[in-house]
Amino acid sequence: MKLLINNETNIKDLFFKLITVIIIASMGLILLNVLTQSKDGRKQIVDNDGSTEYIGTQESSSATREEIRLSEILSGIKGVGKTDVFITYRDDLQTANVFSSSSSQDGPKINGVIVSAEGADNIIIKNDIINAVACVFNISAGNVTVFEKE
């Protein structure tokens, strides 16, 4: 009888130890997840009309300026029409900002560009867009994709 009561006490102790280990491990995993989440540095701004807008870091806002500037330049080419531009970056290499007047300012390396243009149904216009983007960003033509805009 004494052995049976002692066995029940050991089982209860083991059960409480197991529950304690599970709780500690769960809290450790949650803490690890919180500490490793990436923070993109954006701030949310609420306008008077109730709409929200995100203001990015300096890198992302300069990327937006590059996209807008490239879109304006491409739209000015005969036959291209309205354009939309999306630029992707690699963070591992640093190069001079293409549209910057000072070459000492470093920015992320451009990985690829997607262009949507009204005149992209014409193969000559499409080729002109690819060559212009590849030349401006000093990337291969294979890293530039052009689609016809609806």
Protein backbone atom coordinates (compact mmCIF):
# COMPACT_ATOMS: atom_id res chain seq x y z
CA MET A 1 0.00 0.00 0.00
CA LYS A 2 2.82 2.36 0.90
CA LEU A 3 4.45 1.75 -2.52
CA LEU A 4 1.20 2.61 -4.32
CA ILE A 5 0.81 5.94 -2.48
CA ASN A 6 4.48 6.78 -3.12
CA ASN A 7 3.99 5.93 -6.85
CA GLU A 8 0.99 8.32 -7.07
CA THR A 9 3.04 11.13 -5.55
CA ASN A 10 5.86 10.52 -8.06
CA ILE A 11 3.39 10.54 -10.95
CA LYS A 12 1.90 13.84 -9.75
CA ASP A 13 5.39 15.34 -9.38
CA LEU A 14 6.36 14.18 -12.86
CA PHE A 15 3.12 15.58 -14.30
CA PHE A 16 3.69 19.01 -12.72
CA LYS A 17 7.31 19.05 -13.89
CA LEU A 18 6.21 18.17 -17.42
CA ILE A 19 3.57 20.93 -17.44
CA THR A 20 6.17 23.42 -16.15
CA VAL A 21 8.64 22.47 -18.89
CA ILE A 22 5.93 22.81 -21.58
CA ILE A 23 4.91 26.26 -20.31
CA ILE A 24 8.53 27.48 -20.18
CA ALA A 25 9.24 26.12 -23.68
CA SER A 26 6.09 27.78 -25.05
CA MET A 27 7.03 31.12 -23.54
CA GLY A 28 10.55 30.76 -24.96
CA LEU A 29 9.21 30.12 -28.47
CA ILE A 30 6.86 33.10 -28.26
CA LEU A 31 9.70 35.33 -27.04
CA LEU A 32 11.97 34.10 -29.84
CA ASN A 33 9.27 34.85 -32.42
CA VAL A 34 8.74 38.37 -31.08
CA LEU A 35 12.46 39.16 -31.01
CA THR A 36 13.13 37.92 -34.56
CA GLN A 37 10.24 39.70 -36.31
CA SER A 38 11.52 42.18 -38.90
CA LYS A 39 10.62 45.78 -38.38
CA ASP A 40 10.31 47.66 -41.65
CA GLY A 41 10.42 51.11 -40.08
CA ARG A 42 7.13 52.33 -41.51
CA LYS A 43 4.97 54.77 -39.61
CA GLN A 44 1.23 55.00 -40.01
CA ILE A 45 -0.29 58.43 -40.59
CA VAL A 46 -4.03 59.06 -40.34
CA ASP A 47 -5.30 61.96 -42.46
CA ASN A 48 -8.19 64.25 -41.54
CA ASP A 49 -10.51 62.36 -43.89
CA GLY A 50 -9.82 59.11 -42.04
CA SER A 51 -7.63 57.44 -44.65
CA THR A 52 -4.31 55.95 -43.64
CA GLU A 53 -0.97 56.20 -45.35
CA TYR A 54 2.32 54.49 -44.62
CA ILE A 55 5.52 56.48 -44.68
CA GLY A 56 8.46 54.16 -45.34
CA THR A 57 12.12 54.35 -44.48
CA GLN A 58 14.43 56.56 -46.50
CA GLU A 59 15.48 53.64 -48.72
CA SER A 60 11.91 52.74 -49.65
CA SER A 61 10.92 56.36 -50.27
CA SER A 62 13.95 56.85 -52.55
CA ALA A 63 12.96 53.66 -54.36
CA THR A 64 9.52 55.15 -54.92
CA ARG A 65 11.10 58.29 -56.33
CA GLU A 66 13.19 56.14 -58.69
CA GLU A 67 10.10 54.29 -59.87
CA ILE A 68 8.21 57.53 -60.44
CA ARG A 69 11.15 59.14 -62.23
CA LEU A 70 11.68 56.08 -64.47
CA SER A 71 7.96 55.95 -65.25
CA GLU A 72 8.03 59.63 -66.28
CA ILE A 73 11.08 59.11 -68.48
CA LEU A 74 9.64 56.02 -70.19
CA SER A 75 6.27 57.72 -70.75
CA GLY A 76 8.11 60.48 -72.60
CA ILE A 77 9.46 58.04 -75.20
CA LYS A 78 7.48 58.10 -78.45
CA GLY A 79 4.97 55.25 -78.65
CA VAL A 80 5.37 54.04 -75.05
CA GLY A 81 2.31 55.73 -73.52
CA LYS A 82 1.43 55.54 -69.83
CA THR A 83 3.70 53.33 -67.72
CA ASP A 84 3.89 51.77 -64.29
CA VAL A 85 7.26 50.67 -62.87
CA PHE A 86 8.22 48.28 -60.07
CA ILE A 87 11.86 47.92 -58.97
CA THR A 88 13.25 45.11 -56.81
CA TYR A 89 16.49 45.42 -54.85
CA ARG A 90 19.28 43.26 -53.43
CA ASP A 91 20.58 44.41 -50.05
CA ASP A 92 23.90 42.55 -50.23
CA LEU A 93 25.62 44.95 -52.66
CA GLN A 94 25.82 48.74 -52.39
CA THR A 95 25.99 50.97 -55.48
CA ALA A 96 25.55 54.63 -56.27
CA ASN A 97 21.98 55.86 -56.55
CA VAL A 98 21.14 56.21 -60.26
CA PHE A 99 19.16 59.45 -60.06
CA SER A 100 21.29 61.07 -57.36
CA SER A 101 23.48 64.05 -58.22
CA SER A 102 26.14 62.92 -55.76
CA SER A 103 27.87 59.62 -56.32
CA SER A 104 28.86 59.25 -52.66
CA GLN A 105 25.30 58.37 -51.63
CA ASP A 106 24.97 54.59 -51.56
CA GLY A 107 21.76 52.63 -52.05
CA PRO A 108 20.69 49.03 -52.55
CA LYS A 109 21.65 47.21 -55.78
CA ILE A 110 18.81 46.87 -58.28
CA ASN A 111 17.88 43.25 -58.88
CA GLY A 112 15.14 43.60 -61.50
CA VAL A 113 12.55 45.92 -63.01
CA ILE A 114 8.98 45.29 -64.16
CA VAL A 115 7.41 47.80 -66.55
CA SER A 116 3.79 47.90 -67.66
CA ALA A 117 3.37 50.17 -70.72
CA GLU A 118 0.53 50.94 -73.12
CA GLY A 119 2.75 50.64 -76.19
CA ALA A 120 4.38 47.36 -75.16
CA ASP A 121 2.34 45.42 -77.73
CA ASN A 122 4.77 46.75 -80.36
CA ILE A 123 7.94 44.63 -80.23
CA ILE A 124 10.17 47.59 -81.19
CA ILE A 125 8.76 49.76 -78.38
CA LYS A 126 9.08 46.85 -75.95
CA ASN A 127 12.74 46.38 -76.96
CA ASP A 128 13.37 50.14 -76.56
CA ILE A 129 11.91 50.04 -73.03
CA ILE A 130 14.07 47.04 -72.08
CA ASN A 131 17.22 48.68 -73.43
CA ALA A 132 16.47 52.01 -71.73
CA VAL A 133 15.88 50.42 -68.31
CA ALA A 134 18.90 48.12 -68.63
CA CYS A 135 21.07 51.11 -69.58
CA VAL A 136 19.81 53.38 -66.77
CA PHE A 137 20.30 50.83 -64.00
CA ASN A 138 23.31 49.01 -65.52
CA ILE A 139 21.56 45.63 -65.30
CA SER A 140 21.19 42.91 -67.92
CA ALA A 141 18.19 43.00 -70.24
CA GLY A 142 17.15 39.65 -68.75
CA ASN A 143 16.43 41.43 -65.46
CA VAL A 144 13.89 43.73 -67.15
CA THR A 145 10.37 42.48 -67.89
CA VAL A 146 7.89 44.53 -69.93
CA PHE A 147 4.16 43.88 -70.17
CA GLU A 148 1.40 45.53 -72.17
CA LYS A 149 -0.77 47.79 -70.05
CA GLU A 150 -4.56 47.45 -70.35
